[in-house]
Amino acid sequence: MKAEMAREVVDKIFNAFRQWFFTVTFCEFTYFENSILKYTETFGDGYPVMLLNGCQDPNTTKIKPKLNKHGQTAYIVTSNELTLEGSQYAIEALSRTGVFKPRSTVIFVLNKPVEVDSYFHYSMLRHFEMLWSRNIANSVVLIWSDHLQIYLYNPFTQKIRDVTYVPNITDLLMRQYEDLQGFELKLSVFRKIYTSDETGPVQCNSRLAATVMKDLNATCKPLAPRDGNTVGDILPNGTATGVTADLLDSYTDLELSSRILKNSYYGYIDTTYPFGQDEMCFLIKKSIYQSTFMTTLALISVKLLLIFVSNIIIFIFVCILIRKVEGDINNIDDKRSMSVTVVDLLKCFIRQTVDIRFVGPIFRFVVMLIILYSLIVDCAIEGIITSAIAYPRYKPDKNTLSELLSANYTFGVHNRHYSLFKKSLSKEIYDEVLKRTEILNDKQIKGVIDKRKSQYALLLRFSDAKYISRKPANMKNGKPIYHTTAECPVPCSIVYGLSYGSPYLPKIENILNYLNQAGILEYWTRSDEYTLYQNHGKVGGDNKTKKTLSLENLKEVLIMWLIGLLVSTLAFFTEVLFFVFQKKCFIV
């Protein structure tokens, strides 16, 4: 009977579970266990088997979970002493293996004939409930009662089902987590205090959370982090904080606020496949205004000034040479000295008008060219001055890590991101940057932003930095106070977290995959996490508003125009008075 049962067990497992790697947990290695091992290793082309000691052990020390390198694993638990009432010893053995994931299929095989009665069903219900409390979600029980029978438990309907003749039990186990029958899921909800202005209790109010709960047919219970931190992390000493700690001990089931993927999460909490990419940039206080005079000088380069002066000298030299040659050839009587001619030519450059009494045609043509050149230069200078007065200028903002180093900034890095930041640094600047790096928490980052501490360059996610710089509280006269550097030295992948071995992971990844392919996930992330840009359900990226053309918009232009008219009028009357005074003196 045991040989026949062992053969049927192995045959059923390979056909109904379709696994590739098996773990057999045993206590005493008897004929039945040996038959299971033999049939498993020789079935088809043969499959590898891991043997685990499932005997009761007073040593209850927990082993830290590690990355499961074997892929999806099915665990066969059997023993002559295995009963539904005493199955907790085998469960403890599984939890101490270091490779077990609660999401894996656990197959309990009772190798003694049992009588299926009300007491057996009660014992089996208590067994499955204990497994569910230990986060072992995918489990079946194989018994022999005249023939092989397989039982499965649905924790959402709290019913036991006979699945002996189901062709694909693995698929059935996965599909029961697609409809939770209104089961309550505990959702971690956190707020970044340096971006969020919301107060009061946390809620499941994001569209992503509502969509996931609706698709799973579940209800949502929002829970804030117990220690007051946000995403949290696993510290080098093994301490977990924030949402990470809540997921680690199953205080909550999942979180749907994006986090940065880290290697330290593996084996402690589960994360979804990276559906989004982001980068970490530096947020710095924007540079102060420059004066109009300094702005004008900055716009006129030394090279341009040298070209302008050289052209003036060349024009004057050519004009004097032409005047001399043309006067000698045409016998033109010109009583003006050379110095007076130079002054007249300089007047051409300054005011574009001059009384030229030399009648040489080539000389007068070159003077006309000087006037045209002077007009072009004057227009350029007036444009620069008008631009400098009408539009205030900022000093150039820093955009690279080397520029931040040269400007003696202190790099403020969150304790969660410190290890990622160190890995991104090159060997040439590694030591110098770390000497000027200060590790901050959420409250310290908020303090730096609120107090406008200009000596800090804060390393934040690009989306967080952009949001902070565009908040109305961080604007002055319509201009942002903060600037996000163009160079973002730390790329990162964005994921969502679940408790370790969560059975909801495959379904949630499927939902997120569809949302990501349609571009909805990115849209919702921006509009849900950062409500600043929402406008009747639309998300705007630049916070611009249309303004009608009015006198207020043209005030600077009109002022410059009136000043120009006033100066021109005064110059005109001055020249008229000078001409009248000169004429009277000539008559006298």
Protein backbone atom coordinates (compact mmCIF):
# COMPACT_ATOMS: atom_id res chain seq x y z
CA MET A 1 0.00 0.00 0.00
CA LYS A 2 2.79 2.44 0.88
CA ALA A 3 4.65 1.67 -2.35
CA GLU A 4 1.50 2.29 -4.37
CA MET A 5 0.79 5.48 -2.45
CA ALA A 6 4.36 6.76 -2.95
CA ARG A 7 4.12 6.11 -6.68
CA GLU A 8 0.77 7.91 -6.92
CA VAL A 9 2.06 10.85 -4.81
CA VAL A 10 5.05 11.42 -7.09
CA ASP A 11 2.97 10.95 -10.23
CA LYS A 12 0.38 13.45 -8.99
CA ILE A 13 2.99 15.97 -7.95
CA PHE A 14 4.74 15.97 -11.32
CA ASN A 15 1.51 16.21 -13.26
CA ALA A 16 -0.54 18.54 -11.07
CA PHE A 17 2.18 20.87 -9.73
CA ARG A 18 4.63 20.80 -12.63
CA GLN A 19 7.63 21.79 -10.51
CA TRP A 20 11.32 21.49 -11.34
CA PHE A 21 12.99 21.45 -7.94
CA PHE A 22 11.81 19.53 -4.87
CA THR A 23 12.67 19.53 -1.20
CA VAL A 24 11.78 16.50 0.91
CA THR A 25 11.47 17.08 4.66
CA PHE A 26 11.68 13.87 6.72
CA CYS A 27 12.26 12.72 10.28
CA GLU A 28 13.00 9.00 10.15
CA PHE A 29 14.13 7.86 6.71
CA THR A 30 11.83 4.83 6.32
CA TYR A 31 10.68 2.79 3.34
CA PHE A 32 8.05 5.36 2.39
CA GLU A 33 10.47 8.30 2.35
CA ASN A 34 12.94 6.22 0.39
CA SER A 35 10.21 5.39 -2.17
CA ILE A 36 9.33 9.10 -2.52
CA LEU A 37 13.00 9.96 -3.03
CA LYS A 38 13.52 7.13 -5.52
CA TYR A 39 10.49 7.95 -7.64
CA THR A 40 11.32 11.69 -7.59
CA GLU A 41 14.94 11.25 -8.68
CA THR A 42 14.08 8.76 -11.44
CA PHE A 43 10.86 10.32 -12.75
CA GLY A 44 11.31 11.31 -16.40
CA ASP A 45 14.87 12.51 -16.84
CA GLY A 46 15.36 12.80 -13.12
CA TYR A 47 15.03 15.88 -10.87
CA PRO A 48 17.24 17.17 -8.02
CA VAL A 49 15.99 16.75 -4.47
CA MET A 50 17.02 18.56 -1.28
CA LEU A 51 16.66 16.56 1.96
CA LEU A 52 15.77 18.42 5.17
CA ASN A 53 15.58 17.11 8.72
CA GLY A 54 12.02 17.59 9.97
CA CYS A 55 12.38 16.03 13.41
CA GLN A 56 11.43 18.04 16.47
CA ASP A 57 14.40 20.15 17.57
CA PRO A 58 14.63 22.14 20.80
CA ASN A 59 16.81 24.64 19.00
CA THR A 60 14.27 27.23 17.77
CA THR A 61 16.81 29.78 16.60
CA LYS A 62 15.56 31.62 13.50
CA ILE A 63 17.88 31.76 10.52
CA LYS A 64 17.85 34.96 8.50
CA PRO A 65 16.20 34.37 5.13
CA LYS A 66 18.48 34.56 2.11
CA LEU A 67 17.96 34.91 -1.59
CA ASN A 68 16.36 31.75 -2.99
CA LYS A 69 18.68 30.80 -5.86
CA HIS A 70 16.68 27.73 -6.87
CA GLY A 71 13.66 29.51 -8.38
CA GLN A 72 10.15 28.22 -7.66
CA THR A 73 10.38 25.28 -5.27
CA ALA A 74 7.90 22.66 -4.08
CA TYR A 75 8.42 21.20 -0.60
CA ILE A 76 7.32 17.63 0.18
CA VAL A 77 6.82 17.13 3.92
CA THR A 78 6.28 13.58 5.11
CA SER A 79 7.16 11.26 8.00
CA ASN A 80 5.79 8.24 9.83
CA GLU A 81 5.14 10.59 12.75
CA LEU A 82 3.60 13.38 10.68
CA THR A 83 0.03 14.23 11.74
CA LEU A 84 -2.15 17.27 11.20
CA GLU A 85 -2.12 17.94 14.95
CA GLY A 86 1.70 17.89 15.16
CA SER A 87 2.58 19.52 11.84
CA GLN A 88 4.01 22.60 13.54
CA TYR A 89 7.36 20.81 14.01
CA ALA A 90 7.71 20.29 10.26
CA ILE A 91 6.71 23.92 9.69
CA GLU A 92 9.43 25.08 12.08
CA ALA A 93 11.93 22.96 10.15
CA LEU A 94 10.89 24.65 6.91
CA SER A 95 11.16 28.15 8.39
CA ARG A 96 14.72 27.43 9.63
CA THR A 97 16.05 26.22 6.27
CA GLY A 98 17.13 29.66 5.06
CA VAL A 99 15.88 29.00 1.52
CA PHE A 100 12.16 28.55 2.14
CA LYS A 101 9.74 31.10 0.77
CA PRO A 102 6.21 31.08 2.11
CA ARG A 103 4.95 31.56 -1.47
CA SER A 104 6.34 28.15 -2.43
CA THR A 105 4.05 25.12 -2.59
CA VAL A 106 4.18 22.94 0.53
CA ILE A 107 2.84 19.39 0.10
CA PHE A 108 2.02 17.54 3.32
CA VAL A 109 1.82 13.78 2.76
CA LEU A 110 0.29 11.66 5.54
CA ASN A 111 1.67 8.20 4.83
CA LYS A 112 -0.76 6.36 7.11
CA PRO A 113 -4.37 5.62 6.09
CA VAL A 114 -6.83 8.06 7.70
CA GLU A 115 -10.56 8.05 8.18
CA VAL A 116 -12.24 11.08 6.64
CA ASP A 117 -14.77 12.19 9.24
CA SER A 118 -15.79 15.41 10.97
CA TYR A 119 -12.84 15.30 13.37
CA PHE A 120 -10.42 14.93 10.46
CA HIS A 121 -11.96 17.96 8.71
CA TYR A 122 -11.72 19.96 11.95
CA SER A 123 -8.04 19.01 12.38
CA MET A 124 -7.32 19.86 8.75
CA LEU A 125 -9.01 23.27 9.12
CA ARG A 126 -6.86 24.05 12.20
CA HIS A 127 -3.79 22.89 10.26
CA PHE A 128 -4.47 25.21 7.32
CA GLU A 129 -5.28 28.14 9.61
CA MET A 130 -1.96 27.65 11.38
CA LEU A 131 -0.15 27.63 8.02
CA TRP A 132 -1.89 30.86 7.04
CA SER A 133 -0.87 32.48 10.34
CA ARG A 134 2.74 31.48 9.57
CA ASN A 135 2.48 33.11 6.10
CA ILE A 136 2.53 29.76 4.29
CA ALA A 137 -0.08 30.50 1.66
CA ASN A 138 0.19 27.69 -0.91
CA SER A 139 -0.27 24.33 0.75
CA VAL A 140 -2.11 21.07 0.14
CA VAL A 141 -2.59 17.88 2.12
CA LEU A 142 -2.29 14.43 0.52
CA ILE A 143 -3.92 11.50 2.37
CA TRP A 144 -4.74 7.87 1.67
CA SER A 145 -8.30 6.74 2.34
CA ASP A 146 -9.04 3.85 -0.02
CA HIS A 147 -7.39 6.03 -2.65
CA LEU A 148 -5.19 9.10 -2.87
CA GLN A 149 -6.99 12.33 -1.98
CA ILE A 150 -5.74 15.93 -2.13
CA TYR A 151 -7.21 18.82 -0.13
CA LEU A 152 -6.70 22.57 -0.56
CA TYR A 153 -7.73 25.50 1.64
CA ASN A 154 -9.04 28.90 0.52
CA PRO A 155 -8.33 31.41 3.32
CA PHE A 156 -10.74 33.99 1.92
CA THR A 157 -13.79 31.74 1.87
CA GLN A 158 -12.42 29.62 4.77
CA LYS A 159 -13.42 26.44 2.99
CA ILE A 160 -11.53 23.21 2.31
CA ARG A 161 -11.83 21.79 -1.19
CA ASP A 162 -11.12 18.33 -2.61
CA VAL A 163 -8.82 18.84 -5.62
CA THR A 164 -7.85 15.24 -6.28
CA TYR A 165 -8.90 15.35 -9.91
CA VAL A 166 -7.86 18.94 -10.71
CA PRO A 167 -5.35 18.73 -13.61
CA ASN A 168 -3.25 21.77 -12.58
CA ILE A 169 -3.19 22.48 -8.86
CA THR A 170 -0.45 25.12 -9.12
CA ASP A 171 -2.65 27.22 -11.39
CA LEU A 172 -5.57 26.76 -9.00
CA LEU A 173 -3.45 27.95 -6.07
CA MET A 174 -2.40 31.06 -7.99
CA ARG A 175 -5.93 31.88 -9.19
CA GLN A 176 -7.40 31.86 -5.71
CA TYR A 177 -5.34 34.98 -4.96
CA GLU A 178 -6.90 36.84 -7.87
CA ASP A 179 -10.23 37.18 -6.03
CA LEU A 180 -9.87 37.86 -2.30
CA GLN A 181 -13.62 37.86 -1.64
CA GLY A 182 -13.49 41.21 0.17
CA PHE A 183 -10.53 40.19 2.36
CA GLU A 184 -8.87 43.10 4.20
CA LEU A 185 -5.36 43.98 3.02
CA LYS A 186 -3.19 46.09 5.30
CA LEU A 187 -1.63 48.87 3.19
CA SER A 188 1.40 50.85 4.35
CA VAL A 189 0.86 54.54 3.64
CA PHE A 190 3.61 57.05 4.34
CA ARG A 191 4.15 60.73 3.63
CA LYS A 192 7.44 62.40 2.88
CA ILE A 193 7.34 65.37 5.20
CA TYR A 194 9.55 67.45 2.90
CA THR A 195 7.09 67.09 -0.02
CA SER A 196 3.66 66.43 1.51
CA ASP A 197 1.62 69.15 3.22
CA GLU A 198 -1.22 66.80 4.18
CA THR A 199 -2.22 66.29 7.80
CA GLY A 200 -4.54 63.92 9.60
CA PRO A 201 -4.81 60.12 9.40
CA VAL A 202 -3.51 58.28 6.37
CA GLN A 203 -5.99 56.96 3.79
CA CYS A 204 -6.14 54.62 0.81
CA ASN A 205 -6.91 57.57 -1.45
CA SER A 206 -4.50 57.02 -4.34
CA ARG A 207 -5.87 55.84 -7.66
CA LEU A 208 -3.26 53.08 -7.83
CA ALA A 209 -4.36 51.66 -4.45
CA ALA A 210 -8.04 51.87 -5.44
CA THR A 211 -7.35 50.06 -8.72
CA VAL A 212 -5.34 47.26 -7.09
CA MET A 213 -7.94 46.72 -4.37
CA LYS A 214 -10.75 46.66 -6.91
CA ASP A 215 -8.92 44.21 -9.16
CA LEU A 216 -8.16 41.92 -6.19
CA ASN A 217 -11.71 42.32 -4.84
CA ALA A 218 -10.23 43.31 -1.48
CA THR A 219 -10.81 46.02 1.10
CA CYS A 220 -8.06 48.38 2.19
CA LYS A 221 -6.88 49.18 5.70
CA PRO A 222 -4.32 52.02 5.68
CA LEU A 223 -1.59 51.92 8.32
CA ALA A 224 1.09 54.54 8.96
CA PRO A 225 4.65 53.38 9.83
CA ARG A 226 4.87 52.48 13.50
CA ASP A 227 8.15 54.31 14.11
CA GLY A 228 7.14 57.46 12.22
CA ASN A 229 9.70 56.94 9.42
CA THR A 230 8.73 56.79 5.76
CA VAL A 231 10.06 54.07 3.43
CA GLY A 232 12.68 53.03 5.94
CA ASP A 233 15.56 50.66 5.31
CA ILE A 234 17.55 47.75 6.71
CA LEU A 235 20.51 49.22 8.58
CA PRO A 236 23.95 47.56 8.66
CA ASN A 237 23.29 46.30 12.21
CA GLY A 238 20.19 44.42 10.97
CA THR A 239 17.62 46.86 12.35
CA ALA A 240 14.70 47.61 10.03
CA THR A 241 12.89 50.95 10.07
CA GLY A 242 9.79 52.55 8.58
CA VAL A 243 7.59 50.68 6.13
CA THR A 244 10.37 48.13 5.60
CA ALA A 245 10.06 47.04 9.24
CA ASP A 246 6.27 46.85 8.93
CA LEU A 247 6.54 44.59 5.89
CA LEU A 248 9.31 42.51 7.43
CA ASP A 249 7.20 41.28 10.37
CA SER A 250 3.93 41.25 8.35
CA TYR A 251 2.43 44.18 10.28
CA THR A 252 1.31 45.28 6.82
CA ASP A 253 0.82 43.31 3.60
CA LEU A 254 2.05 45.74 0.95
CA GLU A 255 2.84 49.34 0.10
CA LEU A 256 1.94 51.07 -3.15
CA SER A 257 4.11 54.18 -2.75
CA SER A 258 7.19 53.86 -4.91
CA ARG A 259 10.57 53.07 -3.35
CA ILE A 260 14.10 52.81 -4.71
CA LEU A 261 15.21 49.21 -5.30
CA LYS A 262 18.18 48.05 -3.20
CA ASN A 263 20.03 44.77 -2.93
CA SER A 264 19.52 44.74 0.85
CA TYR A 265 15.79 44.12 0.38
CA TYR A 266 16.31 40.64 -1.06
CA GLY A 267 15.43 37.93 1.42
CA TYR A 268 13.73 40.36 3.82
CA ILE A 269 10.83 41.82 1.89
CA ASP A 270 9.53 41.16 -1.61
CA THR A 271 9.57 43.84 -4.29
CA THR A 272 7.82 44.00 -7.62
CA TYR A 273 9.63 43.99 -10.93
CA PRO A 274 11.08 47.50 -11.61
CA PHE A 275 8.32 49.12 -13.67
CA GLY A 276 9.82 52.61 -13.52
CA GLN A 277 13.18 54.36 -13.69
CA ASP A 278 14.18 57.52 -11.89
CA GLU A 279 17.38 59.31 -11.03
CA MET A 280 18.73 61.16 -8.04
CA CYS A 281 19.80 64.76 -8.52
CA PHE A 282 21.04 67.59 -6.31
CA LEU A 283 18.68 70.32 -5.17
CA ILE A 284 20.43 73.64 -4.46
CA LYS A 285 19.28 77.14 -3.67
CA LYS A 286 19.08 79.24 -6.80
CA SER A 287 21.77 81.85 -7.43
CA ILE A 288 21.09 85.49 -6.50
CA TYR A 289 20.49 88.39 -8.88
CA GLN A 290 23.33 90.10 -10.72
CA SER A 291 23.41 93.89 -11.02
CA THR A 292 22.46 95.49 -14.34
CA PHE A 293 25.94 96.93 -14.79
CA MET A 294 27.63 93.58 -14.19
CA THR A 295 25.15 91.82 -16.46
CA THR A 296 25.88 94.28 -19.27
CA LEU A 297 29.61 93.83 -18.88
CA ALA A 298 29.21 90.05 -18.85
CA LEU A 299 27.31 90.17 -22.15
CA ILE A 300 30.12 92.17 -23.81
CA SER A 301 33.09 89.88 -24.15
CA VAL A 302 36.70 91.11 -24.28
CA LYS A 303 37.10 89.71 -27.80
CA LEU A 304 34.07 91.64 -29.03
CA LEU A 305 35.33 94.86 -27.44
CA LEU A 306 38.77 94.48 -29.04
CA ILE A 307 37.19 93.92 -32.47
CA PHE A 308 35.03 97.05 -32.05
CA VAL A 309 38.01 99.27 -31.04
CA SER A 310 40.17 97.85 -33.84
CA ASN A 311 37.48 98.60 -36.42
CA ILE A 312 37.27 102.21 -35.24
CA ILE A 313 41.02 102.67 -35.51
CA ILE A 314 41.10 101.08 -38.97
CA PHE A 315 38.21 103.24 -40.23
CA ILE A 316 39.86 106.46 -38.93
CA PHE A 317 43.24 105.52 -40.39
CA VAL A 318 41.70 104.68 -43.80
CA CYS A 319 39.66 107.91 -43.85
CA ILE A 320 42.71 110.08 -43.07
CA LEU A 321 44.74 108.28 -45.71
CA ILE A 322 41.96 108.71 -48.35
CA ARG A 323 41.54 112.37 -47.40
CA LYS A 324 45.26 112.98 -47.87
CA VAL A 325 45.49 111.13 -51.19
CA GLU A 326 42.24 112.51 -52.58
CA GLY A 327 43.17 116.09 -51.58
CA ASP A 328 46.54 115.86 -53.34
CA ILE A 329 45.10 114.34 -56.53
CA ASN A 330 42.09 116.70 -56.86
CA ASN A 331 43.83 119.77 -55.44
CA ILE A 332 41.11 120.21 -52.81
CA ASP A 333 41.77 123.11 -50.49
CA ASP A 334 41.02 121.79 -47.00
CA LYS A 335 42.09 124.12 -44.23
CA ARG A 336 41.04 121.74 -41.43
CA SER A 337 43.79 120.08 -39.51
CA MET A 338 44.14 116.33 -39.11
CA SER A 339 43.11 116.47 -35.43
CA VAL A 340 39.84 118.23 -36.32
CA THR A 341 39.14 115.51 -38.91
CA VAL A 342 39.74 112.77 -36.32
CA VAL A 343 37.30 114.51 -33.93
CA ASP A 344 34.70 114.70 -36.71
CA LEU A 345 35.10 110.98 -37.43
CA LEU A 346 34.71 110.17 -33.73
CA LYS A 347 31.50 112.19 -33.75
CA CYS A 348 30.28 109.94 -36.57
CA PHE A 349 30.74 106.91 -34.32
CA ILE A 350 29.05 108.54 -31.34
CA ARG A 351 25.99 110.33 -32.81
CA GLN A 352 25.91 109.20 -36.48
CA THR A 353 25.74 112.83 -37.72
CA VAL A 354 28.57 115.25 -38.55
CA ASP A 355 29.21 118.29 -40.72
CA ILE A 356 31.74 117.03 -43.32
CA ARG A 357 33.04 119.89 -45.50
CA PHE A 358 35.60 117.87 -47.38
CA VAL A 359 34.11 117.34 -50.85
CA GLY A 360 36.09 114.24 -51.84
CA PRO A 361 33.50 111.56 -52.97
CA ILE A 362 35.53 108.52 -51.79
CA PHE A 363 36.12 110.12 -48.40
CA ARG A 364 32.41 110.95 -48.00
CA PHE A 365 31.47 107.36 -49.02
CA VAL A 366 33.73 105.90 -46.34
CA VAL A 367 32.22 108.32 -43.79
CA MET A 368 28.76 107.00 -44.74
CA LEU A 369 30.02 103.44 -44.10
CA ILE A 370 31.23 104.58 -40.66
CA ILE A 371 27.77 105.96 -39.90
CA LEU A 372 26.10 102.68 -40.94
CA TYR A 373 28.55 100.62 -38.85
CA SER A 374 27.95 102.93 -35.88
CA LEU A 375 24.18 102.51 -36.22
CA ILE A 376 24.52 98.72 -36.09
CA VAL A 377 26.79 98.86 -33.01
CA ASP A 378 24.49 101.33 -31.25
CA CYS A 379 21.46 99.10 -31.86
CA ALA A 380 23.30 96.14 -30.34
CA ILE A 381 24.39 98.14 -27.27
CA GLU A 382 20.90 99.57 -26.73
CA GLY A 383 19.43 96.08 -26.98
CA ILE A 384 21.86 94.78 -24.37
CA ILE A 385 21.15 97.64 -21.99
CA THR A 386 17.37 97.37 -22.47
CA SER A 387 17.51 93.63 -21.87
CA ALA A 388 19.63 94.08 -18.75
CA ILE A 389 17.24 96.67 -17.28
CA ALA A 390 13.96 95.05 -18.25
CA TYR A 391 14.85 91.42 -17.38
CA PRO A 392 16.75 90.64 -14.16
CA ARG A 393 19.61 88.19 -14.50
CA TYR A 394 20.65 85.31 -12.26
CA LYS A 395 24.15 84.10 -11.74
CA PRO A 396 24.74 80.85 -13.63
CA ASP A 397 23.39 77.85 -11.69
CA LYS A 398 25.59 74.87 -10.86
CA ASN A 399 24.68 71.77 -12.87
CA THR A 400 27.47 69.24 -12.36
CA LEU A 401 29.08 67.51 -9.42
CA SER A 402 32.44 69.12 -10.20
CA GLU A 403 30.85 72.60 -10.12
CA LEU A 404 29.27 71.81 -6.74
CA LEU A 405 32.68 70.72 -5.45
CA SER A 406 34.33 73.93 -6.64
CA ALA A 407 31.57 75.98 -4.98
CA ASN A 408 32.21 74.32 -1.58
CA TYR A 409 28.71 72.89 -1.12
CA THR A 410 27.92 70.41 1.67
CA PHE A 411 26.28 67.31 0.20
CA GLY A 412 23.17 66.37 2.17
CA VAL A 413 22.36 62.70 1.54
CA HIS A 414 19.48 60.73 3.08
CA ASN A 415 20.58 57.77 5.19
CA ARG A 416 18.57 55.47 2.87
CA HIS A 417 20.51 56.63 -0.18
CA TYR A 418 24.03 56.87 1.26
CA SER A 419 25.21 53.45 0.03
CA LEU A 420 23.84 54.09 -3.49
CA PHE A 421 25.51 57.50 -3.56
CA LYS A 422 28.92 56.05 -2.58
CA LYS A 423 28.72 53.43 -5.32
CA SER A 424 28.09 56.12 -7.95
CA LEU A 425 31.23 58.14 -7.15
CA SER A 426 34.38 57.84 -9.22
CA LYS A 427 37.73 57.09 -7.60
CA GLU A 428 39.08 60.56 -8.44
CA ILE A 429 36.54 62.44 -6.30
CA TYR A 430 35.44 59.70 -3.89
CA ASP A 431 37.39 60.84 -0.83
CA GLU A 432 36.82 64.55 -1.40
CA VAL A 433 33.04 64.14 -1.78
CA LEU A 434 32.65 61.91 1.27
CA LYS A 435 34.55 64.41 3.44
CA ARG A 436 31.90 67.00 2.60
CA THR A 437 28.90 64.64 2.81
CA GLU A 438 26.44 64.89 5.69
CA ILE A 439 23.88 62.12 6.32
CA LEU A 440 20.37 63.51 6.94
CA ASN A 441 16.95 62.11 7.83
CA ASP A 442 13.52 63.28 6.69
CA LYS A 443 13.14 65.98 9.35
CA GLN A 444 16.63 67.38 8.72
CA ILE A 445 15.98 67.57 4.98
CA LYS A 446 12.73 69.44 5.64
CA GLY A 447 14.63 71.82 7.94
CA VAL A 448 17.23 72.56 5.25
CA ILE A 449 14.48 73.31 2.71
CA ASP A 450 12.29 75.42 5.01
CA LYS A 451 15.20 77.45 6.41
CA ARG A 452 16.64 78.04 2.91
CA LYS A 453 20.13 76.84 3.89
CA SER A 454 22.14 77.72 0.80
CA GLN A 455 25.26 75.77 1.80
CA TYR A 456 23.56 72.40 1.22
CA ALA A 457 23.18 70.41 -1.99
CA LEU A 458 20.46 67.85 -1.21
CA LEU A 459 20.48 64.51 -3.05
CA LEU A 460 16.83 63.72 -3.84
CA ARG A 461 14.83 61.80 -6.40
CA PHE A 462 14.41 63.90 -9.55
CA SER A 463 10.62 63.91 -9.19
CA ASP A 464 10.89 65.04 -5.54
CA ALA A 465 13.39 67.79 -6.37
CA LYS A 466 11.24 69.13 -9.22
CA TYR A 467 8.16 69.14 -7.02
CA ILE A 468 9.95 71.02 -4.23
CA SER A 469 11.31 73.66 -6.61
CA ARG A 470 7.82 74.28 -8.08
CA LYS A 471 5.86 74.46 -4.86
CA PRO A 472 4.23 77.89 -4.33
CA ALA A 473 5.89 78.08 -0.91
CA ASN A 474 9.28 77.89 -2.62
CA MET A 475 8.58 80.71 -5.09
CA LYS A 476 9.54 84.37 -4.79
CA ASN A 477 8.05 86.92 -7.17
CA GLY A 478 7.02 84.08 -9.46
CA LYS A 479 10.56 82.70 -9.63
CA PRO A 480 11.70 79.41 -8.03
CA ILE A 481 14.06 79.58 -5.08
CA TYR A 482 15.56 76.14 -5.70
CA HIS A 483 17.31 74.67 -8.72
CA THR A 484 17.64 70.99 -9.73
CA THR A 485 21.01 70.17 -11.27
CA ALA A 486 21.03 68.97 -14.86
CA GLU A 487 23.51 66.19 -14.03
CA CYS A 488 21.90 63.42 -11.99
CA PRO A 489 24.72 61.12 -10.80
CA VAL A 490 22.63 58.29 -9.28
CA PRO A 491 20.22 56.33 -11.52
CA CYS A 492 17.71 54.13 -9.69
CA SER A 493 14.88 51.65 -10.28
CA ILE A 494 11.45 52.23 -8.72
CA VAL A 495 9.53 49.29 -7.21
CA TYR A 496 6.70 48.53 -4.78
CA GLY A 497 7.14 46.47 -1.61
CA LEU A 498 5.29 43.47 -0.17
CA SER A 499 5.82 41.24 2.83
CA TYR A 500 8.29 38.42 2.28
CA GLY A 501 6.76 35.53 0.30
CA SER A 502 3.51 37.42 -0.30
CA PRO A 503 1.07 35.34 -2.40
CA TYR A 504 -0.32 38.57 -3.91
CA LEU A 505 2.92 39.40 -5.72
CA PRO A 506 2.18 37.65 -9.08
CA LYS A 507 -1.27 39.25 -9.39
CA ILE A 508 -0.06 42.72 -8.37
CA GLU A 509 2.85 42.50 -10.83
CA ASN A 510 0.35 41.59 -13.54
CA ILE A 511 -1.80 44.65 -12.70
CA LEU A 512 1.21 46.96 -12.60
CA ASN A 513 2.51 45.57 -15.88
CA TYR A 514 -0.70 46.48 -17.70
CA LEU A 515 -0.74 49.96 -16.14
CA ASN A 516 2.91 50.51 -17.00
CA GLN A 517 2.55 49.45 -20.64
CA ALA A 518 -0.29 51.93 -21.12
CA GLY A 519 1.65 54.77 -19.46
CA ILE A 520 -1.02 55.03 -16.75
CA LEU A 521 1.32 54.10 -13.90
CA GLU A 522 3.66 57.04 -14.53
CA TYR A 523 0.71 59.42 -14.92
CA TRP A 524 -0.90 58.28 -11.68
CA THR A 525 2.38 58.40 -9.79
CA ARG A 526 2.86 62.04 -10.71
CA SER A 527 -0.73 63.14 -10.11
CA ASP A 528 -1.29 61.12 -6.92
CA GLU A 529 2.00 61.74 -5.13
CA TYR A 530 2.30 65.35 -6.26
CA THR A 531 -1.09 67.05 -6.37
CA LEU A 532 0.43 70.44 -7.06
CA TYR A 533 0.04 70.03 -10.83
CA GLN A 534 -3.56 68.76 -10.81
CA ASN A 535 -6.01 70.94 -12.68
CA HIS A 536 -9.42 69.35 -13.28
CA GLY A 537 -7.84 65.92 -13.54
CA LYS A 538 -5.04 67.09 -15.84
CA VAL A 539 -1.38 67.11 -14.90
CA GLY A 540 0.72 70.08 -15.93
CA GLY A 541 4.47 69.98 -15.89
CA ASP A 542 5.57 73.60 -15.99
CA ASN A 543 2.98 75.44 -13.87
CA LYS A 544 2.58 78.16 -16.53
CA THR A 545 -0.47 80.40 -16.89
CA LYS A 546 -1.51 82.48 -19.87
CA LYS A 547 -1.34 86.28 -19.36
CA THR A 548 -3.10 88.88 -21.47
CA LEU A 549 -1.02 91.66 -22.99
CA SER A 550 -1.45 94.80 -20.87
CA LEU A 551 0.35 97.99 -19.84
CA GLU A 552 1.73 96.12 -16.83
CA ASN A 553 3.54 93.68 -19.12
CA LEU A 554 4.92 96.49 -21.32
CA LYS A 555 5.83 98.88 -18.50
CA GLU A 556 9.60 98.48 -18.89
CA VAL A 557 9.46 98.91 -22.67
CA LEU A 558 7.35 102.09 -22.41
CA ILE A 559 9.68 103.57 -19.78
CA MET A 560 12.72 103.00 -22.01
CA TRP A 561 10.86 104.49 -24.98
CA LEU A 562 9.92 107.66 -23.02
CA ILE A 563 13.49 108.06 -21.76
CA GLY A 564 14.73 107.81 -25.34
CA LEU A 565 12.27 110.47 -26.52
CA LEU A 566 13.29 112.79 -23.68
CA VAL A 567 17.01 112.42 -24.40
CA SER A 568 16.45 112.95 -28.14
CA THR A 569 14.38 116.10 -27.50
CA LEU A 570 16.99 117.58 -25.17
CA ALA A 571 19.74 116.80 -27.67
CA PHE A 572 17.74 118.49 -30.46
CA PHE A 573 17.11 121.73 -28.52
CA THR A 574 20.72 121.81 -27.35
CA GLU A 575 21.99 121.63 -30.93
CA VAL A 576 19.52 124.32 -32.06
CA LEU A 577 20.59 126.69 -29.28
CA PHE A 578 24.25 125.96 -30.01
CA PHE A 579 23.69 126.73 -33.73
CA VAL A 580 21.92 130.05 -32.94
CA PHE A 581 24.63 131.08 -30.47
CA GLN A 582 27.36 130.21 -32.99
CA LYS A 583 25.58 132.24 -35.73
CA LYS A 584 25.30 135.32 -33.52
CA CYS A 585 28.96 135.11 -32.67
CA PHE A 586 29.84 134.87 -36.38
CA ILE A 587 27.76 138.00 -37.17
CA VAL A 588 29.39 139.96 -34.41
